[in-house]
Amino acid sequence: MKHELLFLGKTKDSYIAEGIELYLSRLGHYTSVSTSILREKKGKRGKSNKDDQATLLLKAIPPGAFSVALDSGGKQFSSESFSRLIADWELRGTRKVCYLIGGPDGLSSVVTRSANLLLSFSKMTFTHDMVRLFLVEQIYRAYTIKAGEKYHK
């Protein structure tokens, strides 16, 4: 199974970008994972809007891929149950899972309604860059749990 992380724009803070790269390199031992940096068109005042972001994200999802939108209103999992969810996707023959992370204003309702799963890490608000790092780390943790390795404990 392949995991693809769809990011709107580059990660701004270098320490977060380094953490993402660290976990992406570690994940290569367990599974195929990639990131796609989607370039937003900036409108007036240098901002893009949620509708434009939705179009970019939805176009980037390959046909047949399972889509997971990260949203504070989504379902929360323990690390162990997230690991079981990934194992279940693999057993069901899921070929690709695309993770969708919105910009600073979150995801458009068009994206959240079309996603196969809404995933939340917390009711708290985090920067979209931090959520990128949290996501990659949790995918890595899920695979180490699956493999029975000590990383989780």
N, C-alpha and C. Protein backbone atom coordinates (compact mmCIF):
# COMPACT_ATOMS: atom_id res chain seq x y z
N MET A 1 0.84 -1.17 0.00
CA MET A 1 0.00 0.00 0.00
C MET A 1 0.88 1.24 0.00
N LYS A 2 0.44 2.25 -0.70
CA LYS A 2 1.18 3.51 -0.78
C LYS A 2 0.42 4.60 -0.02
N HIS A 3 1.17 5.43 0.65
CA HIS A 3 0.62 6.58 1.36
C HIS A 3 1.11 7.83 0.63
N GLU A 4 0.19 8.74 0.34
CA GLU A 4 0.57 10.00 -0.27
C GLU A 4 0.02 11.13 0.57
N LEU A 5 0.90 12.05 0.93
CA LEU A 5 0.51 13.21 1.72
C LEU A 5 0.43 14.41 0.79
N LEU A 6 -0.74 15.01 0.73
CA LEU A 6 -0.97 16.16 -0.14
C LEU A 6 -0.90 17.43 0.71
N PHE A 7 0.14 18.22 0.46
CA PHE A 7 0.37 19.44 1.21
C PHE A 7 0.12 20.66 0.34
N LEU A 8 -0.53 21.65 0.89
CA LEU A 8 -0.72 22.93 0.20
C LEU A 8 0.46 23.83 0.55
N GLY A 9 1.37 24.00 -0.38
CA GLY A 9 2.55 24.82 -0.14
C GLY A 9 3.60 24.10 0.68
N LYS A 10 4.77 24.73 0.71
CA LYS A 10 5.89 24.15 1.43
C LYS A 10 5.75 24.35 2.94
N THR A 11 6.40 23.47 3.70
CA THR A 11 6.46 23.60 5.15
C THR A 11 7.37 24.78 5.47
N LYS A 12 6.86 25.73 6.23
CA LYS A 12 7.59 26.99 6.45
C LYS A 12 8.73 26.88 7.45
N ASP A 13 8.51 26.21 8.57
CA ASP A 13 9.54 26.14 9.60
C ASP A 13 10.51 25.00 9.31
N SER A 14 11.79 25.33 9.28
CA SER A 14 12.80 24.34 8.90
C SER A 14 12.85 23.16 9.87
N TYR A 15 12.64 23.41 11.16
CA TYR A 15 12.70 22.31 12.13
C TYR A 15 11.54 21.33 11.92
N ILE A 16 10.40 21.81 11.49
CA ILE A 16 9.27 20.92 11.19
C ILE A 16 9.56 20.15 9.91
N ALA A 17 10.09 20.85 8.90
CA ALA A 17 10.44 20.19 7.63
C ALA A 17 11.47 19.09 7.87
N GLU A 18 12.44 19.33 8.74
CA GLU A 18 13.45 18.32 9.06
C GLU A 18 12.82 17.12 9.74
N GLY A 19 11.88 17.35 10.65
CA GLY A 19 11.18 16.25 11.32
C GLY A 19 10.38 15.42 10.34
N ILE A 20 9.71 16.09 9.42
CA ILE A 20 8.94 15.37 8.39
C ILE A 20 9.86 14.49 7.56
N GLU A 21 10.98 15.04 7.14
CA GLU A 21 11.94 14.27 6.33
C GLU A 21 12.50 13.08 7.12
N LEU A 22 12.75 13.27 8.41
CA LEU A 22 13.25 12.18 9.25
C LEU A 22 12.26 11.01 9.25
N TYR A 23 10.99 11.30 9.52
CA TYR A 23 9.99 10.23 9.58
C TYR A 23 9.70 9.64 8.20
N LEU A 24 9.75 10.45 7.16
CA LEU A 24 9.57 9.90 5.81
C LEU A 24 10.68 8.91 5.49
N SER A 25 11.92 9.24 5.87
CA SER A 25 13.02 8.32 5.60
C SER A 25 12.88 7.04 6.42
N ARG A 26 12.44 7.14 7.66
CA ARG A 26 12.22 5.96 8.49
C ARG A 26 11.10 5.08 7.93
N LEU A 27 10.05 5.72 7.41
CA LEU A 27 8.90 4.97 6.88
C LEU A 27 9.27 4.12 5.67
N GLY A 28 10.30 4.52 4.95
CA GLY A 28 10.72 3.78 3.77
C GLY A 28 11.04 2.32 4.06
N HIS A 29 11.36 2.02 5.31
CA HIS A 29 11.65 0.65 5.74
C HIS A 29 10.39 -0.21 5.75
N TYR A 30 9.23 0.42 5.92
CA TYR A 30 7.97 -0.31 6.11
C TYR A 30 6.99 -0.24 4.93
N THR A 31 6.97 0.89 4.26
CA THR A 31 5.93 1.12 3.27
C THR A 31 6.38 2.18 2.28
N SER A 32 5.60 2.37 1.26
CA SER A 32 5.86 3.42 0.27
C SER A 32 5.10 4.67 0.69
N VAL A 33 5.81 5.78 0.77
CA VAL A 33 5.18 7.04 1.17
C VAL A 33 5.78 8.17 0.35
N SER A 34 4.92 9.10 -0.05
CA SER A 34 5.40 10.25 -0.81
C SER A 34 4.62 11.48 -0.38
N THR A 35 5.19 12.62 -0.71
CA THR A 35 4.50 13.89 -0.47
C THR A 35 4.34 14.60 -1.80
N SER A 36 3.25 15.30 -1.95
CA SER A 36 3.03 16.15 -3.10
C SER A 36 2.77 17.56 -2.58
N ILE A 37 3.61 18.48 -3.01
CA ILE A 37 3.45 19.87 -2.62
C ILE A 37 2.63 20.55 -3.71
N LEU A 38 1.43 20.95 -3.36
CA LEU A 38 0.52 21.57 -4.31
C LEU A 38 0.70 23.08 -4.24
N ARG A 39 0.90 23.70 -5.38
CA ARG A 39 1.12 25.15 -5.43
C ARG A 39 -0.21 25.87 -5.51
N GLU A 40 -0.43 26.69 -4.53
CA GLU A 40 -1.66 27.47 -4.48
C GLU A 40 -1.52 28.73 -5.32
N LYS A 41 -2.63 29.11 -5.94
CA LYS A 41 -2.67 30.39 -6.62
C LYS A 41 -3.10 31.42 -5.60
N LYS A 42 -2.31 32.46 -5.47
CA LYS A 42 -2.61 33.50 -4.49
C LYS A 42 -3.51 34.56 -5.13
N GLY A 43 -4.53 34.93 -4.41
CA GLY A 43 -5.46 35.95 -4.87
C GLY A 43 -5.10 37.30 -4.29
N LYS A 44 -6.10 38.12 -4.12
CA LYS A 44 -5.89 39.43 -3.52
C LYS A 44 -5.38 39.26 -2.10
N ARG A 45 -4.51 40.15 -1.70
CA ARG A 45 -3.91 40.14 -0.36
C ARG A 45 -2.99 38.94 -0.15
N GLY A 46 -2.58 38.28 -1.23
CA GLY A 46 -1.62 37.18 -1.13
C GLY A 46 -2.14 35.89 -0.54
N LYS A 47 -3.48 35.75 -0.49
CA LYS A 47 -4.07 34.54 0.09
C LYS A 47 -4.83 33.76 -0.97
N SER A 48 -4.89 32.46 -0.76
CA SER A 48 -5.76 31.63 -1.60
C SER A 48 -7.02 31.34 -0.78
N ASN A 49 -8.08 30.94 -1.45
CA ASN A 49 -9.29 30.65 -0.69
C ASN A 49 -9.54 29.15 -0.62
N LYS A 50 -10.44 28.77 0.27
CA LYS A 50 -10.71 27.35 0.51
C LYS A 50 -11.23 26.64 -0.74
N ASP A 51 -12.01 27.33 -1.56
CA ASP A 51 -12.54 26.70 -2.77
C ASP A 51 -11.43 26.36 -3.76
N ASP A 52 -10.48 27.28 -3.92
CA ASP A 52 -9.33 27.02 -4.80
C ASP A 52 -8.49 25.87 -4.23
N GLN A 53 -8.30 25.86 -2.91
CA GLN A 53 -7.55 24.78 -2.28
C GLN A 53 -8.26 23.45 -2.46
N ALA A 54 -9.59 23.46 -2.34
CA ALA A 54 -10.37 22.23 -2.52
C ALA A 54 -10.18 21.67 -3.92
N THR A 55 -10.23 22.53 -4.91
CA THR A 55 -10.04 22.09 -6.29
C THR A 55 -8.67 21.46 -6.47
N LEU A 56 -7.63 22.10 -5.94
CA LEU A 56 -6.27 21.55 -6.02
C LEU A 56 -6.18 20.18 -5.37
N LEU A 57 -6.68 20.09 -4.15
CA LEU A 57 -6.59 18.83 -3.40
C LEU A 57 -7.36 17.71 -4.09
N LEU A 58 -8.59 17.98 -4.50
CA LEU A 58 -9.42 16.93 -5.09
C LEU A 58 -8.87 16.47 -6.44
N LYS A 59 -8.28 17.37 -7.21
CA LYS A 59 -7.67 16.99 -8.49
C LYS A 59 -6.43 16.11 -8.28
N ALA A 60 -5.77 16.28 -7.13
CA ALA A 60 -4.52 15.55 -6.86
C ALA A 60 -4.77 14.11 -6.39
N ILE A 61 -6.00 13.78 -6.04
CA ILE A 61 -6.29 12.42 -5.58
C ILE A 61 -6.44 11.51 -6.79
N PRO A 62 -5.60 10.48 -6.89
CA PRO A 62 -5.72 9.56 -8.03
C PRO A 62 -7.03 8.77 -7.97
N PRO A 63 -7.56 8.41 -9.12
CA PRO A 63 -8.80 7.60 -9.13
C PRO A 63 -8.61 6.31 -8.32
N GLY A 64 -9.59 5.99 -7.51
CA GLY A 64 -9.55 4.76 -6.72
C GLY A 64 -8.82 4.87 -5.40
N ALA A 65 -8.17 6.01 -5.15
CA ALA A 65 -7.44 6.17 -3.88
C ALA A 65 -8.42 6.40 -2.75
N PHE A 66 -8.05 5.94 -1.57
CA PHE A 66 -8.82 6.17 -0.34
C PHE A 66 -8.37 7.52 0.20
N SER A 67 -9.29 8.43 0.48
CA SER A 67 -8.90 9.77 0.92
C SER A 67 -9.20 9.97 2.40
N VAL A 68 -8.22 10.52 3.10
CA VAL A 68 -8.34 10.82 4.52
C VAL A 68 -8.12 12.32 4.69
N ALA A 69 -9.15 13.03 5.12
CA ALA A 69 -9.04 14.47 5.35
C ALA A 69 -8.81 14.72 6.83
N LEU A 70 -7.79 15.50 7.15
CA LEU A 70 -7.53 15.83 8.55
C LEU A 70 -8.36 17.05 8.92
N ASP A 71 -9.20 16.86 9.94
CA ASP A 71 -10.16 17.88 10.33
C ASP A 71 -10.46 17.71 11.82
N SER A 72 -10.51 18.81 12.54
CA SER A 72 -10.72 18.71 13.99
C SER A 72 -12.06 18.06 14.35
N GLY A 73 -13.00 18.03 13.42
CA GLY A 73 -14.28 17.39 13.68
C GLY A 73 -14.31 15.92 13.30
N GLY A 74 -13.17 15.39 12.89
CA GLY A 74 -13.10 14.00 12.45
C GLY A 74 -13.01 13.02 13.61
N LYS A 75 -12.85 11.76 13.24
CA LYS A 75 -12.75 10.67 14.22
C LYS A 75 -11.35 10.64 14.82
N GLN A 76 -11.29 10.41 16.11
CA GLN A 76 -10.00 10.28 16.79
C GLN A 76 -9.70 8.81 17.05
N PHE A 77 -8.44 8.45 16.90
CA PHE A 77 -7.98 7.08 17.12
C PHE A 77 -6.84 7.09 18.11
N SER A 78 -6.70 6.01 18.86
CA SER A 78 -5.46 5.81 19.60
C SER A 78 -4.40 5.39 18.58
N SER A 79 -3.16 5.43 18.96
CA SER A 79 -2.11 4.99 18.03
C SER A 79 -2.28 3.53 17.66
N GLU A 80 -2.69 2.72 18.64
CA GLU A 80 -2.89 1.29 18.38
C GLU A 80 -4.05 1.07 17.40
N SER A 81 -5.15 1.80 17.59
CA SER A 81 -6.29 1.61 16.68
C SER A 81 -5.99 2.17 15.30
N PHE A 82 -5.19 3.21 15.20
CA PHE A 82 -4.77 3.72 13.89
C PHE A 82 -3.90 2.69 13.18
N SER A 83 -3.04 2.02 13.93
CA SER A 83 -2.22 0.95 13.36
C SER A 83 -3.10 -0.18 12.83
N ARG A 84 -4.13 -0.54 13.60
CA ARG A 84 -5.06 -1.59 13.14
C ARG A 84 -5.83 -1.14 11.90
N LEU A 85 -6.18 0.13 11.84
CA LEU A 85 -6.88 0.66 10.67
C LEU A 85 -6.00 0.54 9.42
N ILE A 86 -4.75 0.89 9.52
CA ILE A 86 -3.82 0.77 8.39
C ILE A 86 -3.68 -0.70 8.00
N ALA A 87 -3.56 -1.58 8.98
CA ALA A 87 -3.46 -3.02 8.69
C ALA A 87 -4.71 -3.50 7.97
N ASP A 88 -5.87 -3.01 8.38
CA ASP A 88 -7.14 -3.38 7.74
C ASP A 88 -7.18 -2.89 6.30
N TRP A 89 -6.72 -1.67 6.06
CA TRP A 89 -6.67 -1.17 4.68
C TRP A 89 -5.79 -2.09 3.82
N GLU A 90 -4.67 -2.50 4.38
CA GLU A 90 -3.77 -3.38 3.63
C GLU A 90 -4.44 -4.72 3.34
N LEU A 91 -5.11 -5.28 4.34
CA LEU A 91 -5.80 -6.57 4.15
C LEU A 91 -6.91 -6.48 3.11
N ARG A 92 -7.56 -5.34 3.04
CA ARG A 92 -8.64 -5.13 2.07
C ARG A 92 -8.12 -4.84 0.67
N GLY A 93 -6.82 -4.72 0.53
CA GLY A 93 -6.23 -4.47 -0.79
C GLY A 93 -6.23 -3.02 -1.22
N THR A 94 -6.33 -2.10 -0.26
CA THR A 94 -6.26 -0.68 -0.59
C THR A 94 -4.88 -0.40 -1.17
N ARG A 95 -4.86 0.18 -2.35
CA ARG A 95 -3.59 0.43 -3.02
C ARG A 95 -2.95 1.75 -2.62
N LYS A 96 -3.79 2.78 -2.45
CA LYS A 96 -3.25 4.09 -2.13
C LYS A 96 -4.17 4.82 -1.17
N VAL A 97 -3.54 5.46 -0.18
CA VAL A 97 -4.26 6.31 0.76
C VAL A 97 -3.67 7.71 0.61
N CYS A 98 -4.54 8.69 0.35
CA CYS A 98 -4.12 10.08 0.24
C CYS A 98 -4.61 10.84 1.45
N TYR A 99 -3.70 11.54 2.10
CA TYR A 99 -4.01 12.33 3.29
C TYR A 99 -4.08 13.80 2.87
N LEU A 100 -5.18 14.46 3.21
CA LEU A 100 -5.43 15.84 2.80
C LEU A 100 -5.36 16.76 4.00
N ILE A 101 -4.46 17.72 3.93
CA ILE A 101 -4.30 18.69 5.00
C ILE A 101 -4.55 20.07 4.40
N GLY A 102 -5.45 20.81 5.00
CA GLY A 102 -5.79 22.13 4.51
C GLY A 102 -4.74 23.16 4.85
N GLY A 103 -5.01 24.37 4.44
CA GLY A 103 -4.14 25.49 4.77
C GLY A 103 -4.48 26.05 6.14
N PRO A 104 -4.04 27.27 6.43
CA PRO A 104 -4.28 27.88 7.74
C PRO A 104 -5.76 28.00 8.12
N ASP A 105 -6.63 28.07 7.12
CA ASP A 105 -8.06 28.20 7.40
C ASP A 105 -8.80 26.87 7.40
N GLY A 106 -8.07 25.77 7.30
CA GLY A 106 -8.70 24.45 7.30
C GLY A 106 -9.14 24.02 5.91
N LEU A 107 -9.94 22.97 5.87
CA LEU A 107 -10.40 22.41 4.60
C LEU A 107 -11.80 22.90 4.25
N SER A 108 -12.05 23.01 2.99
CA SER A 108 -13.39 23.34 2.49
C SER A 108 -14.33 22.18 2.81
N SER A 109 -15.60 22.50 3.01
CA SER A 109 -16.59 21.45 3.25
C SER A 109 -16.71 20.52 2.03
N VAL A 110 -16.35 21.00 0.86
CA VAL A 110 -16.35 20.16 -0.35
C VAL A 110 -15.37 19.00 -0.17
N VAL A 111 -14.22 19.28 0.41
CA VAL A 111 -13.20 18.26 0.64
C VAL A 111 -13.64 17.32 1.76
N THR A 112 -14.12 17.87 2.87
CA THR A 112 -14.48 17.00 3.99
C THR A 112 -15.66 16.10 3.65
N ARG A 113 -16.59 16.58 2.84
CA ARG A 113 -17.73 15.75 2.44
C ARG A 113 -17.32 14.64 1.47
N SER A 114 -16.29 14.89 0.67
CA SER A 114 -15.89 13.90 -0.33
C SER A 114 -14.90 12.87 0.22
N ALA A 115 -14.31 13.14 1.38
CA ALA A 115 -13.29 12.23 1.94
C ALA A 115 -13.92 10.92 2.40
N ASN A 116 -13.15 9.85 2.30
CA ASN A 116 -13.59 8.55 2.80
C ASN A 116 -13.53 8.48 4.32
N LEU A 117 -12.64 9.27 4.91
CA LEU A 117 -12.49 9.29 6.36
C LEU A 117 -12.08 10.69 6.79
N LEU A 118 -12.71 11.19 7.85
CA LEU A 118 -12.26 12.42 8.50
C LEU A 118 -11.48 12.00 9.74
N LEU A 119 -10.24 12.46 9.82
CA LEU A 119 -9.34 12.09 10.91
C LEU A 119 -8.99 13.33 11.72
N SER A 120 -9.07 13.20 13.04
CA SER A 120 -8.71 14.30 13.94
C SER A 120 -7.63 13.82 14.90
N PHE A 121 -6.64 14.66 15.13
CA PHE A 121 -5.64 14.36 16.14
C PHE A 121 -6.04 14.92 17.50
N SER A 122 -6.90 15.93 17.50
CA SER A 122 -7.27 16.56 18.75
C SER A 122 -8.37 17.58 18.48
N LYS A 123 -9.08 17.95 19.52
CA LYS A 123 -10.04 19.05 19.41
C LYS A 123 -9.30 20.39 19.43
N MET A 124 -8.04 20.35 19.85
CA MET A 124 -7.23 21.57 19.89
C MET A 124 -6.86 21.97 18.46
N THR A 125 -6.46 23.21 18.30
CA THR A 125 -6.04 23.72 17.01
C THR A 125 -4.51 23.68 16.93
N PHE A 126 -4.01 23.16 15.81
CA PHE A 126 -2.57 23.13 15.54
C PHE A 126 -2.33 23.82 14.21
N THR A 127 -1.11 24.29 14.00
CA THR A 127 -0.79 24.84 12.68
C THR A 127 -0.81 23.69 11.67
N HIS A 128 -1.13 24.02 10.42
CA HIS A 128 -1.17 22.96 9.41
C HIS A 128 0.21 22.35 9.20
N ASP A 129 1.28 23.11 9.44
CA ASP A 129 2.63 22.54 9.34
C ASP A 129 2.89 21.52 10.44
N MET A 130 2.44 21.80 11.65
CA MET A 130 2.62 20.83 12.74
C MET A 130 1.83 19.56 12.48
N VAL A 131 0.63 19.71 11.94
CA VAL A 131 -0.19 18.53 11.64
C VAL A 131 0.52 17.64 10.63
N ARG A 132 1.24 18.21 9.71
CA ARG A 132 2.02 17.42 8.75
C ARG A 132 3.00 16.51 9.48
N LEU A 133 3.73 17.10 10.42
CA LEU A 133 4.70 16.33 11.20
C LEU A 133 4.01 15.27 12.06
N PHE A 134 2.92 15.65 12.72
CA PHE A 134 2.18 14.70 13.55
C PHE A 134 1.69 13.52 12.71
N LEU A 135 1.20 13.81 11.52
CA LEU A 135 0.68 12.75 10.65
C LEU A 135 1.78 11.76 10.26
N VAL A 136 2.90 12.27 9.81
CA VAL A 136 3.99 11.38 9.38
C VAL A 136 4.50 10.55 10.55
N GLU A 137 4.60 11.18 11.72
CA GLU A 137 5.05 10.44 12.91
C GLU A 137 4.04 9.37 13.28
N GLN A 138 2.76 9.65 13.19
CA GLN A 138 1.75 8.65 13.56
C GLN A 138 1.69 7.51 12.56
N ILE A 139 1.92 7.78 11.30
CA ILE A 139 1.99 6.69 10.31
C ILE A 139 3.20 5.82 10.62
N TYR A 140 4.34 6.46 10.93
CA TYR A 140 5.53 5.70 11.32
C TYR A 140 5.25 4.87 12.57
N ARG A 141 4.65 5.48 13.58
CA ARG A 141 4.33 4.78 14.82
C ARG A 141 3.42 3.59 14.53
N ALA A 142 2.43 3.77 13.65
CA ALA A 142 1.50 2.68 13.31
C ALA A 142 2.26 1.48 12.75
N TYR A 143 3.23 1.74 11.89
CA TYR A 143 3.99 0.63 11.32
C TYR A 143 4.91 -0.03 12.33
N THR A 144 5.46 0.74 13.26
CA THR A 144 6.30 0.11 14.29
C THR A 144 5.44 -0.72 15.24
N ILE A 145 4.23 -0.28 15.52
CA ILE A 145 3.31 -1.06 16.35
C ILE A 145 2.99 -2.36 15.63
N LYS A 146 2.67 -2.25 14.35
CA LYS A 146 2.35 -3.43 13.55
C LYS A 146 3.50 -4.44 13.54
N ALA A 147 4.71 -3.91 13.52
CA ALA A 147 5.90 -4.77 13.47
C ALA A 147 6.32 -5.26 14.85
N GLY A 148 5.63 -4.79 15.91
CA GLY A 148 5.98 -5.21 17.27
C GLY A 148 7.28 -4.62 17.77
N GLU A 149 7.65 -3.47 17.28
CA GLU A 149 8.91 -2.83 17.68
C GLU A 149 8.72 -1.96 18.91
N LYS A 150 9.82 -1.57 19.53
CA LYS A 150 9.80 -0.86 20.80
C LYS A 150 9.50 0.63 20.68
N TYR A 151 9.51 1.21 19.50
CA TYR A 151 9.35 2.65 19.34
C TYR A 151 8.13 3.18 20.10
N HIS A 152 7.02 2.46 20.05
CA HIS A 152 5.77 2.95 20.62
C HIS A 152 5.81 3.07 22.15
N LYS A 153 6.53 2.23 22.81
CA LYS A 153 6.50 2.24 24.28
C LYS A 153 7.75 2.81 24.86
